[in-house]
Protein backbone atom coordinates (compact mmCIF):
# COMPACT_ATOMS: atom_id res chain seq x y z
CA MET A 1 -9.53 -184.13 -87.65
CA ILE A 2 -8.69 -183.55 -84.05
CA GLN A 3 -11.93 -185.41 -83.03
CA GLY A 4 -10.78 -188.45 -85.07
CA TYR A 5 -7.52 -188.51 -83.08
CA LEU A 6 -9.28 -188.10 -79.78
CA ALA A 7 -11.60 -190.97 -80.69
CA ALA A 8 -8.58 -193.09 -81.80
CA TRP A 9 -6.36 -192.34 -78.74
CA PRO A 10 -8.12 -194.95 -76.41
CA GLN A 11 -7.43 -197.54 -79.09
CA PHE A 12 -3.62 -196.92 -78.99
CA SER A 13 -1.85 -199.77 -77.30
CA ARG A 14 0.41 -199.18 -74.29
CA ASN A 15 3.46 -199.94 -76.48
CA SER A 16 2.34 -197.37 -78.98
CA ARG A 17 1.97 -194.58 -76.35
CA LEU A 18 5.42 -195.44 -74.90
CA PHE A 19 7.02 -195.40 -78.29
CA LEU A 20 5.47 -192.04 -79.03
CA LEU A 21 6.96 -190.68 -75.83
CA SER A 22 10.43 -191.95 -76.80
CA ALA A 23 10.01 -190.46 -80.31
CA THR A 24 8.97 -187.12 -78.81
CA ILE A 25 12.15 -186.97 -76.73
CA ALA A 26 14.23 -187.95 -79.77
CA GLY A 27 12.58 -185.23 -81.81
CA PHE A 28 13.45 -182.56 -79.14
CA SER A 29 17.05 -183.76 -78.71
CA TYR A 30 18.12 -185.11 -82.16
CA SER A 31 15.76 -183.36 -84.72
CA GLY A 32 15.93 -180.19 -82.65
CA ILE A 33 19.06 -179.36 -80.74
CA TYR A 34 21.54 -181.55 -82.56
CA PHE A 35 20.27 -180.96 -86.05
CA LEU A 36 20.50 -177.25 -85.74
CA LEU A 37 23.89 -177.05 -84.03
CA ALA A 38 25.97 -179.88 -85.44
CA ASN A 39 27.22 -178.29 -88.67
CA LEU A 40 27.71 -174.82 -86.99
CA PHE A 41 29.71 -176.58 -84.23
CA LEU A 42 32.00 -178.05 -86.90
CA VAL A 43 32.52 -174.73 -88.52
CA ARG A 44 33.56 -173.26 -85.12
CA LEU A 45 36.04 -176.13 -84.87
CA GLY A 46 37.62 -174.90 -88.05
CA TYR A 47 36.26 -177.49 -90.59
CA ASP A 48 35.16 -176.49 -94.12
CA GLU A 49 32.37 -177.94 -96.27
CA GLN A 50 34.39 -180.83 -97.53
CA PHE A 51 35.00 -182.19 -94.09
CA ILE A 52 31.45 -181.49 -93.03
CA GLY A 53 30.19 -183.34 -96.14
CA VAL A 54 32.45 -186.30 -95.13
CA PHE A 55 31.06 -186.13 -91.59
CA VAL A 56 27.54 -186.16 -92.74
CA ALA A 57 28.19 -188.91 -95.26
CA THR A 58 29.97 -191.01 -92.52
CA GLY A 59 26.82 -190.92 -90.47
CA ALA A 60 24.54 -191.80 -93.42
CA LEU A 61 27.00 -194.57 -94.56
CA SER A 62 27.06 -195.97 -91.03
CA PHE A 63 23.21 -195.94 -90.97
CA ALA A 64 23.15 -197.68 -94.36
CA MET A 65 25.66 -200.36 -93.41
CA SER A 66 23.85 -201.05 -90.22
CA SER A 67 20.23 -201.05 -91.51
CA LEU A 68 20.06 -204.53 -93.03
CA PRO A 69 21.93 -206.14 -90.06
CA ALA A 70 19.43 -204.24 -87.80
CA GLY A 71 16.61 -205.84 -89.78
CA VAL A 72 18.17 -209.34 -89.58
CA VAL A 73 18.74 -208.83 -85.80
CA GLY A 74 15.26 -207.57 -85.22
CA ARG A 75 13.82 -210.53 -87.20
CA ARG A 76 15.88 -213.07 -85.13
CA TRP A 77 15.98 -211.44 -81.60
CA GLY A 78 12.81 -209.38 -81.72
CA CYS A 79 12.13 -205.72 -82.87
CA ARG A 80 11.70 -204.41 -79.35
CA ARG A 81 14.98 -205.56 -78.08
CA ALA A 82 17.02 -204.30 -81.21
CA MET A 83 15.17 -201.06 -81.14
CA THR A 84 15.89 -200.36 -77.50
CA VAL A 85 19.61 -201.10 -77.81
CA GLY A 86 19.74 -198.88 -80.90
CA TYR A 87 18.23 -195.97 -78.94
CA ALA A 88 20.89 -196.41 -76.16
CA PHE A 89 23.64 -196.26 -78.82
CA LEU A 90 22.08 -193.17 -80.32
CA ALA A 91 22.11 -191.39 -76.92
CA CYS A 92 25.77 -192.32 -76.42
CA GLY A 93 26.79 -191.10 -79.87
CA LEU A 94 24.98 -187.73 -79.43
CA ALA A 95 26.60 -187.11 -76.07
CA LEU A 96 30.12 -188.19 -77.21
CA VAL A 97 30.27 -186.16 -80.31
CA SER A 98 29.94 -182.96 -78.20
CA LEU A 99 33.27 -183.70 -76.46
CA ALA A 100 35.36 -183.12 -79.62
CA PRO A 101 36.75 -179.67 -78.42
CA LEU A 102 38.62 -181.53 -75.61
CA PHE A 103 40.83 -183.31 -78.17
CA ALA A 104 43.63 -181.95 -80.32
CA GLU A 105 44.10 -182.75 -83.96
CA PRO A 106 44.41 -185.34 -85.56
CA TRP A 107 42.47 -187.09 -82.81
CA ARG A 108 39.64 -184.57 -82.89
CA ALA A 109 38.63 -185.35 -86.43
CA ARG A 110 38.85 -189.11 -85.74
CA TRP A 111 36.79 -188.71 -82.68
CA LEU A 112 34.13 -186.83 -84.64
CA ILE A 113 34.04 -189.50 -87.38
CA ALA A 114 33.96 -192.37 -84.88
CA THR A 115 31.19 -190.95 -82.71
CA CYS A 116 29.24 -189.91 -85.75
CA ALA A 117 29.29 -193.65 -86.93
CA LEU A 118 28.34 -194.85 -83.52
CA ARG A 119 25.33 -192.41 -83.40
CA GLU A 120 23.95 -193.56 -86.71
CA LEU A 121 24.59 -197.27 -85.94
CA GLY A 122 22.20 -196.82 -83.03
CA ASN A 123 19.86 -194.78 -85.01
CA ALA A 124 19.59 -197.48 -87.62
CA PHE A 125 18.81 -200.19 -85.09
CA TYR A 126 16.19 -197.90 -83.59
CA LEU A 127 14.43 -196.69 -86.66
CA VAL A 128 14.62 -199.91 -88.62
CA ASN A 129 12.91 -201.93 -85.83
CA ALA A 130 10.59 -199.14 -84.84
CA ASN A 131 8.48 -199.69 -87.98
CA PRO A 132 7.67 -203.44 -87.53
CA PHE A 133 7.33 -202.86 -83.76
CA LEU A 134 4.61 -200.31 -84.43
CA MET A 135 2.95 -202.52 -87.04
CA GLU A 136 2.77 -205.37 -84.35
CA SER A 137 1.54 -202.86 -81.88
CA THR A 138 -1.39 -201.53 -83.90
CA SER A 139 -4.47 -202.86 -85.65
CA GLN A 140 -5.67 -201.62 -89.03
CA ARG A 141 -8.28 -199.42 -87.26
CA GLU A 142 -5.84 -197.01 -85.51
CA ARG A 143 -2.61 -197.69 -87.46
CA GLY A 144 -2.83 -194.55 -89.59
CA HIS A 145 -3.49 -192.39 -86.56
CA VAL A 146 -0.44 -193.90 -84.71
CA PHE A 147 1.91 -193.40 -87.67
CA SER A 148 0.47 -189.94 -88.26
CA SER A 149 0.91 -189.11 -84.54
CA ARG A 150 4.60 -190.22 -84.80
CA GLY A 151 5.00 -187.92 -87.89
CA ALA A 152 3.56 -185.06 -85.82
CA VAL A 153 5.19 -185.35 -82.42
CA VAL A 154 8.78 -185.60 -83.80
CA PRO A 155 8.64 -182.24 -85.66
CA LEU A 156 6.64 -180.63 -82.78
CA ALA A 157 9.35 -181.64 -80.31
CA GLY A 158 11.98 -180.62 -82.85
CA PHE A 159 10.34 -177.17 -82.98
CA PHE A 160 10.87 -176.68 -79.27
CA GLY A 161 14.39 -178.23 -79.44
CA THR A 162 15.40 -175.96 -82.27
CA LEU A 163 14.32 -172.79 -80.41
CA VAL A 164 16.12 -173.99 -77.38
CA GLY A 165 19.25 -174.94 -79.47
CA GLY A 166 19.16 -171.58 -81.19
CA VAL A 167 19.53 -169.52 -78.07
CA LEU A 168 21.72 -171.77 -75.93
CA PRO A 169 25.12 -170.94 -77.47
CA ALA A 170 24.65 -167.19 -77.04
CA ARG A 171 23.40 -167.61 -73.39
CA ILE A 172 26.41 -169.93 -72.62
CA ALA A 173 28.75 -167.29 -74.23
CA GLY A 174 27.26 -164.61 -72.02
CA TRP A 175 27.56 -166.67 -68.91
CA THR A 176 31.25 -167.74 -69.53
CA GLY A 177 32.44 -164.55 -71.23
CA ARG A 178 33.30 -166.42 -74.45
CA SER A 179 32.45 -165.53 -78.14
CA THR A 180 29.70 -167.41 -79.89
CA GLU A 181 32.39 -168.32 -82.40
CA ASP A 182 34.06 -170.39 -79.67
CA PRO A 183 33.22 -174.09 -80.07
CA MET A 184 33.01 -174.50 -76.33
CA THR A 185 29.83 -172.61 -76.28
CA TYR A 186 28.38 -175.40 -78.39
CA LEU A 187 29.67 -178.22 -76.24
CA LEU A 188 27.16 -178.01 -73.38
CA PRO A 189 23.99 -177.81 -75.60
CA MET A 190 24.96 -180.74 -77.61
CA LEU A 191 25.94 -182.74 -74.46
CA ILE A 192 22.52 -181.90 -73.03
CA GLY A 193 20.90 -183.11 -76.21
CA GLY A 194 22.43 -186.63 -75.74
CA LEU A 195 21.63 -186.86 -72.08
CA LEU A 196 18.02 -185.90 -72.61
CA LEU A 197 17.51 -189.11 -74.54
CA LEU A 198 17.68 -191.25 -71.21
CA PRO A 199 13.99 -190.74 -70.38
CA GLY A 200 13.16 -191.98 -73.84
CA LEU A 201 15.32 -195.03 -73.23
CA LEU A 202 13.44 -195.79 -70.04
CA ALA A 203 10.09 -195.56 -71.97
CA LEU A 204 11.25 -198.15 -74.47
CA LEU A 205 12.52 -200.36 -71.68
CA SER A 206 8.94 -200.27 -70.27
CA THR A 207 7.41 -201.64 -73.34
CA ARG A 208 6.55 -205.28 -73.61
CA THR A 209 6.76 -207.99 -76.29
CA GLU A 210 3.38 -208.84 -77.79
CA THR A 211 3.36 -212.13 -75.97
CA GLU A 212 3.99 -210.34 -72.58
CA SER A 213 1.34 -207.71 -73.57
CA SER A 214 -1.30 -210.39 -74.24
CA ALA A 215 -0.52 -212.29 -71.04
CA THR A 216 -0.84 -209.19 -68.86
CA ALA A 217 -3.36 -207.00 -70.86
CA GLU A 218 -6.45 -205.71 -69.17
CA PRO A 219 -9.74 -206.26 -70.84
CA PRO A 220 -10.09 -203.98 -73.93
CA ALA A 221 -11.80 -200.61 -73.51
CA PRO A 222 -15.17 -200.21 -75.32
CA GLY A 223 -14.64 -199.76 -79.00
CA ARG A 224 -11.16 -201.15 -78.87
CA GLU A 225 -10.17 -204.49 -80.44
CA PRO A 226 -8.71 -207.09 -78.17
CA THR A 227 -4.89 -207.54 -78.06
CA THR A 228 -4.97 -210.54 -80.39
CA SER A 229 -6.33 -208.37 -83.14
CA LEU A 230 -3.14 -206.36 -83.10
CA ARG A 231 -1.81 -208.82 -85.67
CA PRO A 232 -1.90 -206.95 -88.99
CA LEU A 233 -3.94 -208.30 -91.80
CA ARG A 234 -2.24 -210.55 -94.36
CA PRO A 235 -0.83 -208.29 -97.12
CA GLN A 236 -1.95 -208.49 -100.71
CA VAL A 237 1.35 -209.52 -102.35
CA THR A 238 1.66 -209.46 -106.16
CA GLU A 239 5.38 -209.97 -106.35
CA GLY A 240 7.99 -211.99 -104.41
CA PRO A 241 9.36 -210.15 -101.36
CA ILE A 242 12.91 -209.78 -102.78
CA ALA A 243 11.53 -207.98 -105.98
CA VAL A 244 9.34 -205.62 -103.88
CA ILE A 245 12.15 -204.76 -101.58
CA LEU A 246 14.52 -204.06 -104.47
CA ILE A 247 11.93 -201.61 -106.00
CA MET A 248 11.37 -199.83 -102.63
CA THR A 249 15.12 -199.36 -102.16
CA LEU A 250 15.53 -197.81 -105.58
CA ILE A 251 12.60 -195.48 -104.91
CA GLY A 252 13.96 -194.56 -101.45
CA ALA A 253 17.47 -193.80 -102.70
CA LEU A 254 16.17 -191.39 -105.24
CA TYR A 255 13.37 -189.86 -103.15
CA ILE A 256 15.71 -188.74 -100.38
CA CYS A 257 18.17 -186.85 -102.66
CA ALA A 258 16.35 -183.43 -102.50
CA MET A 259 16.15 -183.57 -98.69
CA ALA A 260 19.71 -184.85 -98.47
CA ALA A 261 21.26 -182.13 -100.76
CA SER A 262 19.31 -179.29 -99.14
CA MET A 263 19.03 -180.06 -95.44
CA SER A 264 22.57 -181.39 -95.12
CA PHE A 265 23.93 -177.92 -96.03
CA PHE A 266 20.99 -175.58 -95.30
CA ASN A 267 22.44 -174.16 -92.15
CA LEU A 268 25.79 -173.76 -93.70
CA TYR A 269 24.30 -172.02 -96.77
CA MET A 270 22.39 -169.67 -94.58
CA ASP A 271 25.35 -169.00 -92.23
CA ARG A 272 28.18 -168.67 -94.77
CA ASP A 273 26.74 -167.67 -98.04
CA LEU A 274 23.78 -165.56 -96.92
CA GLY A 275 25.06 -164.31 -93.62
CA VAL A 276 22.02 -165.33 -91.59
CA SER A 277 22.33 -165.45 -87.79
CA THR A 278 22.11 -168.72 -85.84
CA SER A 279 18.95 -167.62 -84.07
CA ARG A 280 17.13 -166.86 -87.41
CA ILE A 281 18.30 -170.14 -88.89
CA GLY A 282 17.02 -171.88 -85.68
CA THR A 283 13.57 -169.91 -86.10
CA ILE A 284 13.22 -170.97 -89.76
CA ILE A 285 13.80 -174.56 -88.97
CA ALA A 286 11.53 -174.38 -85.94
CA CYS A 287 8.71 -172.93 -88.02
CA GLY A 288 8.99 -175.80 -90.55
CA GLN A 289 8.80 -178.24 -87.69
CA LEU A 290 5.82 -176.61 -86.11
CA LEU A 291 3.90 -176.36 -89.44
CA ALA A 292 4.69 -180.02 -90.00
CA VAL A 293 2.64 -180.99 -86.89
CA PRO A 294 -0.87 -180.29 -88.34
CA VAL A 295 0.17 -181.47 -91.73
CA ALA A 296 1.29 -184.76 -90.38
CA LEU A 297 -1.94 -185.24 -88.51
CA THR A 298 -3.71 -185.05 -91.86
CA MET A 299 -1.98 -188.20 -93.15
CA ALA A 300 -4.46 -190.73 -91.65
CA GLY A 301 -7.48 -189.05 -93.18
CA LEU A 302 -5.61 -188.38 -96.54
CA ALA A 303 -4.60 -192.11 -96.63
CA ARG A 304 -8.24 -193.12 -96.11
CA ARG A 305 -9.38 -190.95 -98.95
CA ILE A 306 -6.68 -191.53 -101.63
CA GLY A 307 -4.52 -194.32 -100.24
CA TYR A 308 -0.95 -194.50 -98.82
CA ALA A 309 0.59 -194.68 -102.35
CA ALA A 310 -1.03 -191.47 -103.53
CA ALA A 311 -0.29 -189.69 -100.21
CA PHE A 312 3.35 -190.48 -100.58
CA GLY A 313 3.54 -189.78 -104.27
CA CYS A 314 1.95 -186.25 -103.80
CA SER A 315 4.06 -185.31 -100.77
CA ALA A 316 7.35 -186.64 -102.27
CA ALA A 317 6.67 -184.38 -105.34
CA GLY A 318 6.11 -181.64 -102.91
CA VAL A 319 9.53 -182.14 -101.51
CA ALA A 320 11.16 -182.03 -104.84
CA LEU A 321 9.30 -178.86 -105.77
CA CYS A 322 10.18 -177.07 -102.58
CA THR A 323 13.89 -177.54 -103.14
CA LEU A 324 13.68 -175.44 -106.34
CA PRO A 325 13.40 -172.04 -104.49
CA MET A 326 16.62 -172.87 -102.68
CA GLY A 327 18.44 -173.48 -105.86
CA LEU A 328 16.84 -170.65 -108.00
CA LEU A 329 16.81 -167.64 -105.58
CA PRO A 330 19.85 -166.63 -103.62
CA VAL A 331 17.92 -164.78 -100.86
CA TRP A 332 17.39 -166.02 -97.33
CA TRP A 333 13.58 -166.02 -97.43
CA ALA A 334 13.50 -168.19 -100.53
CA ALA A 335 15.92 -170.77 -98.84
CA GLY A 336 13.92 -170.68 -95.66
CA ALA A 337 10.58 -171.15 -97.46
CA GLY A 338 12.05 -174.15 -99.30
CA ALA A 339 13.38 -175.69 -96.05
CA ILE A 340 10.00 -175.20 -94.41
CA GLY A 341 8.27 -176.80 -97.29
CA ILE A 342 10.50 -179.75 -97.38
CA THR A 343 9.97 -180.33 -93.64
CA VAL A 344 6.18 -180.06 -94.03
CA MET A 345 5.88 -182.33 -97.03
CA SER A 346 8.18 -185.00 -95.58
CA ALA A 347 5.89 -185.05 -92.55
CA ILE A 348 3.34 -186.78 -94.78
CA ALA A 349 5.80 -188.72 -97.02
CA PHE A 350 7.71 -190.60 -94.34
CA PRO A 351 4.75 -192.21 -92.54
CA ALA A 352 2.82 -192.77 -95.68
CA ILE A 353 5.63 -194.79 -97.36
CA THR A 354 6.35 -196.55 -94.14
CA VAL A 355 2.94 -198.03 -93.92
CA TYR A 356 2.79 -198.68 -97.63
CA GLN A 357 5.97 -200.60 -97.93
CA GLN A 358 5.45 -202.52 -94.69
CA GLU A 359 1.94 -203.78 -95.94
CA LEU A 360 3.55 -204.90 -99.19
CA VAL A 361 5.29 -207.94 -97.48
CA GLU A 362 4.43 -210.61 -95.03
CA PRO A 363 5.00 -209.86 -91.35
CA ASP A 364 8.09 -211.99 -91.11
CA TRP A 365 9.71 -209.91 -93.95
CA ARG A 366 8.88 -206.49 -92.45
CA PRO A 367 12.13 -206.05 -90.51
CA ILE A 368 14.06 -206.73 -93.67
CA MET A 369 11.99 -204.40 -95.74
CA SER A 370 12.29 -201.69 -93.05
CA GLY A 371 16.11 -202.23 -93.09
CA ALA A 372 16.44 -202.35 -96.75
CA TYR A 373 14.33 -199.26 -97.36
CA LEU A 374 16.04 -197.22 -94.65
CA MET A 375 19.45 -198.44 -95.98
CA SER A 376 18.58 -197.01 -99.46
CA ILE A 377 17.56 -193.60 -97.86
CA ALA A 378 20.99 -193.58 -96.04
CA LEU A 379 22.93 -194.56 -99.16
CA GLY A 380 21.18 -191.70 -101.10
CA TRP A 381 21.97 -189.35 -98.29
CA THR A 382 25.56 -190.59 -98.11
CA VAL A 383 26.09 -189.93 -101.86
CA MET A 384 24.57 -186.50 -101.67
CA ALA A 385 26.39 -185.46 -98.62
CA SER A 386 29.82 -186.74 -99.65
CA VAL A 387 29.59 -185.40 -103.17
CA GLY A 388 27.90 -182.30 -102.01
CA GLY A 389 30.95 -180.80 -100.28
CA TYR A 390 32.98 -181.04 -103.53
CA LEU A 391 30.08 -179.80 -105.65
CA ILE A 392 29.59 -176.76 -103.42
CA LYS A 393 33.35 -176.01 -103.89
CA ALA A 394 33.04 -176.37 -107.64
CA GLU A 395 29.56 -175.20 -108.58
CA GLY A 396 28.02 -173.68 -105.50
CA TYR A 397 25.20 -174.52 -103.15
CA ARG A 398 22.43 -173.84 -105.61
CA PHE A 399 23.61 -176.36 -108.15
CA LEU A 400 23.57 -179.01 -105.52
CA PHE A 401 20.02 -178.15 -104.51
CA LEU A 402 18.79 -178.31 -108.17
CA LEU A 403 20.44 -181.67 -108.66
CA GLY A 404 18.81 -183.21 -105.59
CA SER A 405 15.43 -181.86 -106.83
CA GLY A 406 15.79 -183.54 -110.15
CA LEU A 407 16.79 -186.98 -108.67
CA SER A 408 13.87 -186.91 -106.33
CA ALA A 409 11.53 -186.09 -109.13
CA ALA A 410 12.82 -189.19 -110.98
CA GLY A 411 12.10 -191.22 -107.87
CA VAL A 412 8.55 -189.95 -107.75
CA VAL A 413 7.99 -190.98 -111.40
CA ILE A 414 9.23 -194.45 -110.75
CA PHE A 415 7.18 -194.86 -107.65
CA THR A 416 4.03 -193.59 -109.43
CA LEU A 417 4.58 -196.19 -112.32
CA TYR A 418 4.97 -199.01 -109.81
CA ALA A 419 2.11 -198.06 -107.63
CA VAL A 420 -0.32 -197.65 -110.60
CA ARG A 421 0.79 -200.95 -112.09
CA ARG A 422 0.38 -202.79 -108.77
CA ALA A 423 -3.09 -201.29 -108.26
CA ARG A 424 -4.26 -202.45 -111.69
CA ARG A 425 -2.91 -205.92 -110.90
CA LEU A 426 -4.74 -206.20 -107.66
CA ALA A 427 -7.94 -204.98 -109.34
CA LYS A 428 -7.66 -207.68 -111.90
CA GLU A 429 -7.04 -210.31 -109.29
CA HIS A 430 -10.22 -209.24 -107.36
């Protein structure tokens, strides 16, 4: 496996390498430091699960509402430009949310909601346009390796970010003489997380449009296709683009439910129901991110053997199954094992479905497909997060986890039926 990536690395375009650098930095900052500390930060500010659910849902709704416009803007003005602007807004949102302790109520809650919405608006423009940008920057030969590398570097960087985020509040509390229950000990780590995105922004600014790359490119290295071959092959479309996009949005909205239900409230469940320390929570999340790295790297080889559709279907089913221990066993090790499994399985599921749905439509429709699919994921996350806070109050965390698992399983069934039907239709046509 490693030899395959070493052989493929010289074929990676300059744009692909710079994008992977930006994704690595975002993984350390957003998937690592911020993901671990955000909900714990809100608890220290005095907010309960209902407000936290609204906070998480606000971000997801902002992402959902921004996703289709992000696809339209990327289609009109270019994916590279829209992606870079989004990354800049993401950095601003991460940095600004950390300043909430400086405000008094009711402005504090308003500040949190506004900066959360800003953060996910930027994240939507970044992620929606990243998919077609990478499709343009790769050929069929190395595409699986590039998307697998993306799926690996984000959790690897998140692993280190989570470890750093887990110890920073205690260190800052020791340096300042404050308690770790003081929200001010969380302000600096989260502010650092936002500022760390600036080098990633510079990396994206250093990328070029495909035309610019072609005009200034050096002769291709031995074994590498010339720049003109970076154009992806014409997709084999059996339905109209609108129908395909609608099917993918339904699948995305259902698939994400298990992850949304569990990971939106995992650290709160561990902290408040099971009494687990912040450092242990950070270690568990970090272990999942670390284990996701080698698993993500298997995606390219797995897709060659069984196809992107089967790779996604199997890993998505794994996400649904890994949520079950969190809902069935009220002990920290079961919840931790479930969270690790979800992180690992999603490291295959996300890149596999990204390539699969991007290849379903013509290149001109890829920004719209990306925006619609990520919108559906965000809408599913919005519903689970907003309803989740109330369900936790009424039924408890475990009921929410089981509900998410069941909805994701339904999404896997629908996807499998669609993929099998499409494969049979293509076989008949050829």
